[in-house]
Protein backbone atom coordinates (compact mmCIF):
# COMPACT_ATOMS: atom_id res chain seq x y z
CA UNK A 1 0.00 0.00 0.00
CA UNK A 2 1.32 3.44 -0.90
CA UNK A 3 2.22 5.87 1.87
CA UNK A 4 -0.39 8.44 0.81
CA UNK A 5 -3.24 5.88 0.85
CA UNK A 6 -4.96 5.31 4.15
CA UNK A 7 -6.31 1.90 5.14
CA UNK A 8 -10.06 1.56 4.67
CA UNK A 9 -11.98 1.40 7.93
CA UNK A 10 -14.35 -1.56 8.14
CA UNK A 11 -17.36 -2.45 10.27
CA UNK A 12 -15.65 -5.70 11.36
CA UNK A 13 -12.69 -3.79 12.84
CA UNK A 14 -14.97 -1.60 14.94
CA UNK A 15 -17.04 -4.56 16.14
CA UNK A 16 -13.86 -6.42 17.18
CA UNK A 17 -12.95 -3.39 19.31
CA UNK A 18 -16.34 -3.58 21.08
CA UNK A 19 -18.27 -0.90 19.19
CA UNK A 20 -21.87 -1.34 18.13
CA UNK A 21 -22.07 -0.28 14.47
CA UNK A 22 -25.15 0.46 12.39
CA UNK A 23 -24.85 1.29 8.69
CA UNK A 24 -27.63 2.56 6.39
CA UNK A 25 -27.24 3.03 2.65
CA UNK A 26 -29.65 5.52 1.14
CA UNK A 27 -29.97 5.53 -2.64
CA UNK A 28 -31.42 8.03 -5.08
CA UNK A 29 -34.75 7.19 -6.70
CA UNK A 30 -34.98 7.45 -10.50
CA UNK A 31 -37.50 10.07 -11.59
CA UNK A 32 -37.77 11.64 -8.13
CA UNK A 33 -35.09 14.34 -7.73
CA UNK A 34 -33.84 14.79 -4.18
CA UNK A 35 -35.53 11.64 -2.84
CA UNK A 36 -33.37 9.16 -0.95
CA UNK A 37 -34.63 5.78 0.25
CA UNK A 38 -33.22 2.65 1.86
CA UNK A 39 -32.41 0.02 -0.76
CA UNK A 40 -34.66 -2.68 0.73
CA UNK A 41 -37.71 -0.40 0.46
CA UNK A 42 -37.73 -0.92 -3.30
CA UNK A 43 -39.85 -3.72 -4.74
CA UNK A 44 -38.60 -2.79 -8.21
CA UNK A 45 -34.81 -2.43 -8.11
CA UNK A 46 -34.85 -0.78 -11.54
CA UNK A 47 -35.95 2.39 -9.72
CA UNK A 48 -32.60 2.69 -7.90
CA UNK A 49 -30.35 5.29 -9.49
CA UNK A 50 -26.72 4.07 -9.72
CA UNK A 51 -25.49 7.63 -9.15
CA UNK A 52 -25.50 9.53 -5.88
CA UNK A 53 -26.71 8.48 -2.47
CA UNK A 54 -25.74 8.59 1.17
CA UNK A 55 -24.18 6.27 3.72
CA UNK A 56 -24.91 6.80 7.41
CA UNK A 57 -22.85 5.24 10.20
CA UNK A 58 -23.80 5.15 13.87
CA UNK A 59 -21.17 4.13 16.45
CA UNK A 60 -21.82 3.27 20.08
CA UNK A 61 -18.72 2.74 22.20
CA UNK A 62 -18.28 0.72 25.40
CA UNK A 63 -19.20 3.75 27.52
CA UNK A 64 -22.50 4.15 25.68
CA UNK A 65 -21.52 7.31 23.82
CA UNK A 66 -23.19 7.65 20.42
CA UNK A 67 -21.74 9.32 17.34
CA UNK A 68 -22.94 9.54 13.76
CA UNK A 69 -21.17 10.16 10.47
CA UNK A 70 -22.51 10.65 6.97
CA UNK A 71 -20.92 10.28 3.54
CA UNK A 72 -22.78 11.94 0.69
CA UNK A 73 -22.20 10.99 -2.95
CA UNK A 74 -22.72 13.55 -5.68
CA UNK A 75 -25.37 12.69 -8.27
CA UNK A 76 -22.53 12.82 -10.83
CA UNK A 77 -20.55 10.04 -9.11
CA UNK A 78 -21.21 6.32 -9.05
CA UNK A 79 -22.18 4.93 -5.64
CA UNK A 80 -19.53 2.80 -3.87
CA UNK A 81 -20.52 1.04 -0.63
CA UNK A 82 -17.01 0.32 0.62
CA UNK A 83 -15.78 3.90 0.25
CA UNK A 84 -19.05 5.27 1.65
CA UNK A 85 -18.72 3.10 4.76
CA UNK A 86 -15.09 4.19 5.22
CA UNK A 87 -15.91 7.91 5.00
CA UNK A 88 -18.99 7.63 7.25
CA UNK A 89 -17.08 5.60 9.89
CA UNK A 90 -14.19 8.06 9.81
CA UNK A 91 -16.55 10.99 10.39
CA UNK A 92 -18.41 9.13 13.14
CA UNK A 93 -15.11 8.35 14.88
CA UNK A 94 -14.10 12.03 14.68
CA UNK A 95 -17.47 13.00 16.19
CA UNK A 96 -17.04 10.39 18.95
CA UNK A 97 -13.65 11.85 19.87
CA UNK A 98 -15.27 15.29 20.20
CA UNK A 99 -18.05 14.06 22.51
C-alpha atoms as a PDB file:
ATOM      1  CA  UNK A   1       0.000   0.000   0.000  1.00  0.00           C
ATOM      2  CA  UNK A   2       1.321   3.442  -0.896  1.00  0.00           C
ATOM      3  CA  UNK A   3       2.217   5.873   1.872  1.00  0.00           C
ATOM      4  CA  UNK A   4      -0.393   8.436   0.808  1.00  0.00           C
ATOM      5  CA  UNK A   5      -3.239   5.880   0.851  1.00  0.00           C
ATOM      6  CA  UNK A   6      -4.965   5.305   4.150  1.00  0.00           C
ATOM      7  CA  UNK A   7      -6.305   1.903   5.136  1.00  0.00           C
ATOM      8  CA  UNK A   8     -10.062   1.565   4.669  1.00  0.00           C
ATOM      9  CA  UNK A   9     -11.984   1.399   7.934  1.00  0.00           C
ATOM     10  CA  UNK A  10     -14.354  -1.562   8.141  1.00  0.00           C
ATOM     11  CA  UNK A  11     -17.360  -2.455  10.268  1.00  0.00           C
ATOM     12  CA  UNK A  12     -15.650  -5.700  11.359  1.00  0.00           C
ATOM     13  CA  UNK A  13     -12.692  -3.788  12.839  1.00  0.00           C
ATOM     14  CA  UNK A  14     -14.971  -1.601  14.945  1.00  0.00           C
ATOM     15  CA  UNK A  15     -17.037  -4.565  16.141  1.00  0.00           C
ATOM     16  CA  UNK A  16     -13.860  -6.420  17.182  1.00  0.00           C
ATOM     17  CA  UNK A  17     -12.955  -3.391  19.310  1.00  0.00           C
ATOM     18  CA  UNK A  18     -16.339  -3.578  21.078  1.00  0.00           C
ATOM     19  CA  UNK A  19     -18.269  -0.899  19.193  1.00  0.00           C
ATOM     20  CA  UNK A  20     -21.871  -1.343  18.131  1.00  0.00           C
ATOM     21  CA  UNK A  21     -22.074  -0.284  14.475  1.00  0.00           C
ATOM     22  CA  UNK A  22     -25.151   0.458  12.388  1.00  0.00           C
ATOM     23  CA  UNK A  23     -24.852   1.295   8.685  1.00  0.00           C
ATOM     24  CA  UNK A  24     -27.626   2.561   6.392  1.00  0.00           C
ATOM     25  CA  UNK A  25     -27.242   3.028   2.652  1.00  0.00           C
ATOM     26  CA  UNK A  26     -29.654   5.518   1.135  1.00  0.00           C
ATOM     27  CA  UNK A  27     -29.975   5.534  -2.638  1.00  0.00           C
ATOM     28  CA  UNK A  28     -31.417   8.030  -5.081  1.00  0.00           C
ATOM     29  CA  UNK A  29     -34.752   7.193  -6.699  1.00  0.00           C
ATOM     30  CA  UNK A  30     -34.979   7.454 -10.496  1.00  0.00           C
ATOM     31  CA  UNK A  31     -37.500  10.066 -11.593  1.00  0.00           C
ATOM     32  CA  UNK A  32     -37.774  11.640  -8.128  1.00  0.00           C
ATOM     33  CA  UNK A  33     -35.094  14.343  -7.731  1.00  0.00           C
ATOM     34  CA  UNK A  34     -33.841  14.795  -4.185  1.00  0.00           C
ATOM     35  CA  UNK A  35     -35.534  11.645  -2.839  1.00  0.00           C
ATOM     36  CA  UNK A  36     -33.369   9.161  -0.953  1.00  0.00           C
ATOM     37  CA  UNK A  37     -34.631   5.780   0.254  1.00  0.00           C
ATOM     38  CA  UNK A  38     -33.217   2.647   1.862  1.00  0.00           C
ATOM     39  CA  UNK A  39     -32.410   0.023  -0.759  1.00  0.00           C
ATOM     40  CA  UNK A  40     -34.658  -2.680   0.732  1.00  0.00           C
ATOM     41  CA  UNK A  41     -37.715  -0.403   0.461  1.00  0.00           C
ATOM     42  CA  UNK A  42     -37.727  -0.925  -3.299  1.00  0.00           C
ATOM     43  CA  UNK A  43     -39.851  -3.722  -4.741  1.00  0.00           C
ATOM     44  CA  UNK A  44     -38.602  -2.795  -8.214  1.00  0.00           C
ATOM     45  CA  UNK A  45     -34.810  -2.426  -8.105  1.00  0.00           C
ATOM     46  CA  UNK A  46     -34.850  -0.775 -11.540  1.00  0.00           C
ATOM     47  CA  UNK A  47     -35.954   2.388  -9.716  1.00  0.00           C
ATOM     48  CA  UNK A  48     -32.605   2.691  -7.903  1.00  0.00           C
ATOM     49  CA  UNK A  49     -30.352   5.288  -9.490  1.00  0.00           C
ATOM     50  CA  UNK A  50     -26.719   4.071  -9.717  1.00  0.00           C
ATOM     51  CA  UNK A  51     -25.486   7.631  -9.150  1.00  0.00           C
ATOM     52  CA  UNK A  52     -25.500   9.528  -5.877  1.00  0.00           C
ATOM     53  CA  UNK A  53     -26.712   8.477  -2.468  1.00  0.00           C
ATOM     54  CA  UNK A  54     -25.742   8.588   1.171  1.00  0.00           C
ATOM     55  CA  UNK A  55     -24.175   6.274   3.723  1.00  0.00           C
ATOM     56  CA  UNK A  56     -24.907   6.796   7.406  1.00  0.00           C
ATOM     57  CA  UNK A  57     -22.847   5.240  10.198  1.00  0.00           C
ATOM     58  CA  UNK A  58     -23.798   5.148  13.865  1.00  0.00           C
ATOM     59  CA  UNK A  59     -21.165   4.132  16.446  1.00  0.00           C
ATOM     60  CA  UNK A  60     -21.825   3.274  20.084  1.00  0.00           C
ATOM     61  CA  UNK A  61     -18.719   2.741  22.202  1.00  0.00           C
ATOM     62  CA  UNK A  62     -18.284   0.715  25.395  1.00  0.00           C
ATOM     63  CA  UNK A  63     -19.195   3.753  27.521  1.00  0.00           C
ATOM     64  CA  UNK A  64     -22.501   4.146  25.680  1.00  0.00           C
ATOM     65  CA  UNK A  65     -21.516   7.313  23.821  1.00  0.00           C
ATOM     66  CA  UNK A  66     -23.193   7.654  20.424  1.00  0.00           C
ATOM     67  CA  UNK A  67     -21.736   9.315  17.335  1.00  0.00           C
ATOM     68  CA  UNK A  68     -22.941   9.541  13.756  1.00  0.00           C
ATOM     69  CA  UNK A  69     -21.174  10.165  10.471  1.00  0.00           C
ATOM     70  CA  UNK A  70     -22.510  10.654   6.969  1.00  0.00           C
ATOM     71  CA  UNK A  71     -20.921  10.283   3.535  1.00  0.00           C
ATOM     72  CA  UNK A  72     -22.783  11.938   0.686  1.00  0.00           C
ATOM     73  CA  UNK A  73     -22.203  10.994  -2.945  1.00  0.00           C
ATOM     74  CA  UNK A  74     -22.721  13.550  -5.683  1.00  0.00           C
ATOM     75  CA  UNK A  75     -25.369  12.693  -8.274  1.00  0.00           C
ATOM     76  CA  UNK A  76     -22.532  12.821 -10.833  1.00  0.00           C
ATOM     77  CA  UNK A  77     -20.555  10.040  -9.110  1.00  0.00           C
ATOM     78  CA  UNK A  78     -21.211   6.321  -9.050  1.00  0.00           C
ATOM     79  CA  UNK A  79     -22.178   4.933  -5.641  1.00  0.00           C
ATOM     80  CA  UNK A  80     -19.526   2.805  -3.868  1.00  0.00           C
ATOM     81  CA  UNK A  81     -20.523   1.040  -0.633  1.00  0.00           C
ATOM     82  CA  UNK A  82     -17.013   0.324   0.617  1.00  0.00           C
ATOM     83  CA  UNK A  83     -15.777   3.900   0.251  1.00  0.00           C
ATOM     84  CA  UNK A  84     -19.047   5.273   1.646  1.00  0.00           C
ATOM     85  CA  UNK A  85     -18.722   3.105   4.759  1.00  0.00           C
ATOM     86  CA  UNK A  86     -15.088   4.195   5.221  1.00  0.00           C
ATOM     87  CA  UNK A  87     -15.913   7.910   4.996  1.00  0.00           C
ATOM     88  CA  UNK A  88     -18.991   7.627   7.247  1.00  0.00           C
ATOM     89  CA  UNK A  89     -17.083   5.596   9.889  1.00  0.00           C
ATOM     90  CA  UNK A  90     -14.187   8.063   9.807  1.00  0.00           C
ATOM     91  CA  UNK A  91     -16.550  10.989  10.395  1.00  0.00           C
ATOM     92  CA  UNK A  92     -18.412   9.134  13.139  1.00  0.00           C
ATOM     93  CA  UNK A  93     -15.107   8.348  14.881  1.00  0.00           C
ATOM     94  CA  UNK A  94     -14.101  12.032  14.680  1.00  0.00           C
ATOM     95  CA  UNK A  95     -17.466  12.998  16.192  1.00  0.00           C
ATOM     96  CA  UNK A  96     -17.040  10.387  18.945  1.00  0.00           C
ATOM     97  CA  UNK A  97     -13.653  11.850  19.874  1.00  0.00           C
ATOM     98  CA  UNK A  98     -15.270  15.291  20.197  1.00  0.00           C
ATOM     99  CA  UNK A  99     -18.054  14.059  22.514  1.00  0.00           C
END
